[in-house]
Structure formats: C-alpha cells, structure tokens
Amino acid sequence: MKVLLVGATGTLGGAVAKELSGQAISFRCLVRKTADTTQLRKLGAELAHGDVRDNAVLAEAPVTLPRRRRYSTSPLAISGII
C-alpha cells in the first residue's frame, strides 16, 4: 500500500508522516518546491512537487491504493473543497 499525503510539511501532516513511517507504510508527499523537506526525507518519504490546488498534479500523483484514495491533512480537503 502507498499513501499520498498532502500537508506533510505542516505540524499535523508531519505527525502523520512519522506515524506512516513508524508503521512501515510507503508514502509519497505532495510538497511545494520551496518547502523544507529535510524531515520527510529522513523518514524515507517519496517527494512529488506540486500544489494541492492543481488537479492535474493530483491526477498524475500515482498511488497504489484501490480507486486512488488520497488522505489529506489539508483543511481544504477536510472541508470538501478539493
């Protein structure tokens, strides 16, 4: 299983990334090119550069989950905006 995590450079997303890493779950993080990804790289995360508001980027971010489910810590995703 592979998870696509957006918001991973934030406080909540960073905690989710640590939890995924601790459970040996493979994950890819959608991050901005300007983001500090030091901690994510230490956790072994794959990095995909882009913006969560760009549907084309999300559509091209392959994950190996049924029906390409995406888990997000973004308030936009939680509120149903994206």
N, C-alpha and C. Protein backbone atom coordinates (compact mmCIF):
# COMPACT_ATOMS: atom_id res chain seq x y z
N MET A 1 0.85 -1.18 0.00
CA MET A 1 0.00 0.00 0.00
C MET A 1 0.88 1.23 0.00
N LYS A 2 0.48 2.24 -0.76
CA LYS A 2 1.19 3.51 -0.77
C LYS A 2 0.18 4.63 -0.57
N VAL A 3 0.51 5.58 0.29
CA VAL A 3 -0.37 6.68 0.62
C VAL A 3 0.17 7.96 0.02
N LEU A 4 -0.72 8.79 -0.53
CA LEU A 4 -0.36 10.13 -0.97
C LEU A 4 -0.75 11.08 0.13
N LEU A 5 0.22 11.77 0.70
CA LEU A 5 -0.01 12.68 1.82
C LEU A 5 0.26 14.10 1.38
N VAL A 6 -0.74 14.95 1.52
CA VAL A 6 -0.54 16.38 1.28
C VAL A 6 -0.58 17.08 2.63
N GLY A 7 0.14 18.17 2.73
CA GLY A 7 0.23 18.87 4.01
C GLY A 7 1.30 18.31 4.91
N ALA A 8 2.18 17.50 4.36
CA ALA A 8 3.18 16.79 5.17
C ALA A 8 4.24 17.69 5.78
N THR A 9 4.41 18.89 5.26
CA THR A 9 5.42 19.78 5.84
C THR A 9 4.85 20.60 6.99
N GLY A 10 3.56 20.47 7.24
CA GLY A 10 2.93 21.16 8.36
C GLY A 10 3.01 20.33 9.63
N THR A 11 2.49 20.87 10.71
CA THR A 11 2.54 20.20 12.01
C THR A 11 1.77 18.89 12.00
N LEU A 12 0.52 18.93 11.60
CA LEU A 12 -0.30 17.72 11.59
C LEU A 12 0.19 16.73 10.54
N GLY A 13 0.47 17.23 9.35
CA GLY A 13 0.96 16.35 8.29
C GLY A 13 2.28 15.69 8.63
N GLY A 14 3.16 16.44 9.32
CA GLY A 14 4.43 15.87 9.75
C GLY A 14 4.23 14.73 10.74
N ALA A 15 3.25 14.90 11.62
CA ALA A 15 2.93 13.84 12.59
C ALA A 15 2.38 12.61 11.87
N VAL A 16 1.55 12.83 10.85
CA VAL A 16 1.02 11.71 10.06
C VAL A 16 2.17 11.00 9.34
N ALA A 17 3.10 11.76 8.79
CA ALA A 17 4.25 11.17 8.09
C ALA A 17 5.07 10.31 9.05
N LYS A 18 5.29 10.79 10.26
CA LYS A 18 6.03 9.99 11.25
C LYS A 18 5.29 8.70 11.58
N GLU A 19 3.99 8.79 11.70
CA GLU A 19 3.19 7.60 12.01
C GLU A 19 3.24 6.60 10.86
N LEU A 20 3.12 7.08 9.64
CA LEU A 20 3.20 6.19 8.48
C LEU A 20 4.56 5.51 8.42
N SER A 21 5.60 6.29 8.64
CA SER A 21 6.96 5.75 8.62
C SER A 21 7.14 4.71 9.73
N GLY A 22 6.63 5.01 10.91
CA GLY A 22 6.75 4.10 12.03
C GLY A 22 6.02 2.79 11.82
N GLN A 23 4.98 2.82 11.00
CA GLN A 23 4.22 1.61 10.69
C GLN A 23 4.69 0.95 9.40
N ALA A 24 5.80 1.43 8.86
CA ALA A 24 6.39 0.89 7.63
C ALA A 24 5.41 0.94 6.45
N ILE A 25 4.63 2.01 6.39
CA ILE A 25 3.72 2.23 5.27
C ILE A 25 4.41 3.16 4.28
N SER A 26 4.47 2.74 3.03
CA SER A 26 5.10 3.55 1.99
C SER A 26 4.22 4.76 1.70
N PHE A 27 4.86 5.93 1.58
CA PHE A 27 4.07 7.12 1.32
C PHE A 27 4.82 8.12 0.46
N ARG A 28 4.03 8.87 -0.29
CA ARG A 28 4.54 9.94 -1.15
C ARG A 28 3.91 11.23 -0.66
N CYS A 29 4.72 12.27 -0.56
CA CYS A 29 4.25 13.57 -0.08
C CYS A 29 4.22 14.57 -1.22
N LEU A 30 3.09 15.22 -1.37
CA LEU A 30 2.97 16.31 -2.33
C LEU A 30 3.42 17.58 -1.63
N VAL A 31 4.52 18.15 -2.10
CA VAL A 31 5.12 19.32 -1.45
C VAL A 31 5.42 20.40 -2.47
N ARG A 32 5.48 21.63 -1.98
CA ARG A 32 5.91 22.73 -2.86
C ARG A 32 7.42 22.66 -3.03
N LYS A 33 7.90 23.17 -4.15
CA LYS A 33 9.34 23.16 -4.41
C LYS A 33 10.11 23.96 -3.38
N THR A 34 9.47 24.93 -2.75
CA THR A 34 10.15 25.78 -1.76
C THR A 34 10.07 25.23 -0.34
N ALA A 35 9.38 24.11 -0.15
CA ALA A 35 9.18 23.56 1.19
C ALA A 35 10.46 22.92 1.74
N ASP A 36 10.62 23.00 3.05
CA ASP A 36 11.72 22.31 3.72
C ASP A 36 11.31 20.86 3.92
N THR A 37 11.93 19.97 3.18
CA THR A 37 11.56 18.55 3.21
C THR A 37 12.58 17.68 3.94
N THR A 38 13.44 18.30 4.72
CA THR A 38 14.50 17.58 5.42
C THR A 38 13.95 16.43 6.25
N GLN A 39 12.95 16.70 7.08
CA GLN A 39 12.40 15.67 7.95
C GLN A 39 11.71 14.56 7.15
N LEU A 40 11.04 14.94 6.09
CA LEU A 40 10.36 13.94 5.27
C LEU A 40 11.36 13.00 4.61
N ARG A 41 12.46 13.56 4.13
CA ARG A 41 13.49 12.72 3.51
C ARG A 41 14.09 11.78 4.54
N LYS A 42 14.28 12.26 5.78
CA LYS A 42 14.80 11.39 6.84
C LYS A 42 13.85 10.23 7.14
N LEU A 43 12.56 10.47 6.96
CA LEU A 43 11.56 9.42 7.20
C LEU A 43 11.44 8.45 6.03
N GLY A 44 12.10 8.76 4.93
CA GLY A 44 12.06 7.89 3.76
C GLY A 44 10.90 8.15 2.82
N ALA A 45 10.30 9.32 2.92
CA ALA A 45 9.16 9.65 2.06
C ALA A 45 9.61 9.90 0.63
N GLU A 46 8.78 9.48 -0.31
CA GLU A 46 8.95 9.90 -1.69
C GLU A 46 8.37 11.31 -1.78
N LEU A 47 8.98 12.14 -2.59
CA LEU A 47 8.50 13.52 -2.73
C LEU A 47 8.00 13.76 -4.14
N ALA A 48 6.84 14.40 -4.23
CA ALA A 48 6.29 14.84 -5.51
C ALA A 48 6.06 16.34 -5.37
N HIS A 49 6.61 17.10 -6.29
CA HIS A 49 6.49 18.55 -6.21
C HIS A 49 5.25 19.03 -6.95
N GLY A 50 4.49 19.91 -6.29
CA GLY A 50 3.30 20.46 -6.90
C GLY A 50 2.46 21.19 -5.87
N ASP A 51 1.26 21.56 -6.27
CA ASP A 51 0.35 22.30 -5.41
C ASP A 51 -0.97 21.55 -5.34
N VAL A 52 -1.51 21.41 -4.15
CA VAL A 52 -2.74 20.66 -3.94
C VAL A 52 -3.92 21.27 -4.69
N ARG A 53 -3.84 22.54 -5.05
CA ARG A 53 -4.92 23.19 -5.78
C ARG A 53 -4.90 22.89 -7.27
N ASP A 54 -3.86 22.19 -7.74
CA ASP A 54 -3.71 21.86 -9.15
C ASP A 54 -4.21 20.43 -9.39
N ASN A 55 -5.41 20.31 -9.93
CA ASN A 55 -6.00 18.99 -10.15
C ASN A 55 -5.15 18.11 -11.06
N ALA A 56 -4.45 18.70 -12.02
CA ALA A 56 -3.61 17.92 -12.92
C ALA A 56 -2.48 17.25 -12.15
N VAL A 57 -1.92 17.95 -11.18
CA VAL A 57 -0.85 17.37 -10.35
C VAL A 57 -1.39 16.20 -9.54
N LEU A 58 -2.56 16.37 -8.95
CA LEU A 58 -3.16 15.30 -8.15
C LEU A 58 -3.50 14.09 -9.01
N ALA A 59 -3.99 14.33 -10.21
CA ALA A 59 -4.34 13.23 -11.11
C ALA A 59 -3.12 12.44 -11.53
N GLU A 60 -1.96 13.08 -11.58
CA GLU A 60 -0.74 12.42 -12.01
C GLU A 60 0.08 11.87 -10.86
N ALA A 61 -0.39 12.01 -9.64
CA ALA A 61 0.36 11.52 -8.48
C ALA A 61 -0.08 10.09 -8.20
N PRO A 62 0.57 9.13 -8.84
CA PRO A 62 0.10 7.75 -8.72
C PRO A 62 0.35 7.18 -7.33
N VAL A 63 -0.64 6.50 -6.85
CA VAL A 63 -0.52 5.76 -5.60
C VAL A 63 -1.14 4.39 -5.84
N THR A 64 -0.68 3.41 -5.12
CA THR A 64 -1.15 2.05 -5.33
C THR A 64 -2.21 1.69 -4.30
N LEU A 65 -3.29 2.44 -4.31
CA LEU A 65 -4.42 2.18 -3.43
C LEU A 65 -5.66 1.94 -4.29
N PRO A 66 -6.59 1.15 -3.80
CA PRO A 66 -7.82 0.97 -4.58
C PRO A 66 -8.49 2.31 -4.86
N ARG A 67 -8.89 2.51 -6.09
CA ARG A 67 -9.57 3.73 -6.54
C ARG A 67 -8.78 4.98 -6.23
N ARG A 68 -7.48 4.88 -6.10
CA ARG A 68 -6.58 6.02 -5.90
C ARG A 68 -7.07 6.93 -4.76
N ARG A 69 -7.37 6.35 -3.64
CA ARG A 69 -7.78 7.13 -2.48
C ARG A 69 -6.64 8.02 -2.04
N ARG A 70 -6.99 9.19 -1.58
CA ARG A 70 -5.98 10.12 -1.09
C ARG A 70 -6.36 10.55 0.31
N TYR A 71 -5.38 10.60 1.20
CA TYR A 71 -5.60 11.04 2.57
C TYR A 71 -4.91 12.38 2.73
N SER A 72 -5.61 13.33 3.29
CA SER A 72 -5.08 14.68 3.35
C SER A 72 -5.27 15.28 4.74
N THR A 73 -4.30 16.05 5.17
CA THR A 73 -4.43 16.81 6.40
C THR A 73 -4.77 18.26 6.08
N SER A 74 -5.02 18.55 4.82
CA SER A 74 -5.33 19.91 4.39
C SER A 74 -6.75 20.29 4.80
N PRO A 75 -6.93 21.46 5.40
CA PRO A 75 -8.29 21.92 5.73
C PRO A 75 -9.18 21.98 4.48
N LEU A 76 -8.59 22.23 3.32
CA LEU A 76 -9.37 22.28 2.09
C LEU A 76 -9.99 20.91 1.78
N ALA A 77 -9.21 19.86 1.97
CA ALA A 77 -9.71 18.51 1.70
C ALA A 77 -10.72 18.09 2.77
N ILE A 78 -10.43 18.41 4.00
CA ILE A 78 -11.32 18.03 5.09
C ILE A 78 -12.69 18.70 4.93
N SER A 79 -12.70 19.93 4.47
CA SER A 79 -13.96 20.66 4.30
C SER A 79 -14.66 20.31 2.98
N GLY A 80 -14.03 19.50 2.14
CA GLY A 80 -14.64 19.09 0.89
C GLY A 80 -14.42 20.03 -0.27
N ILE A 81 -13.57 21.03 -0.12
CA ILE A 81 -13.32 21.98 -1.20
C ILE A 81 -12.56 21.33 -2.33
N ILE A 82 -11.63 20.42 -1.99
CA ILE A 82 -10.89 19.71 -3.05
C ILE A 82 -11.18 18.24 -2.95
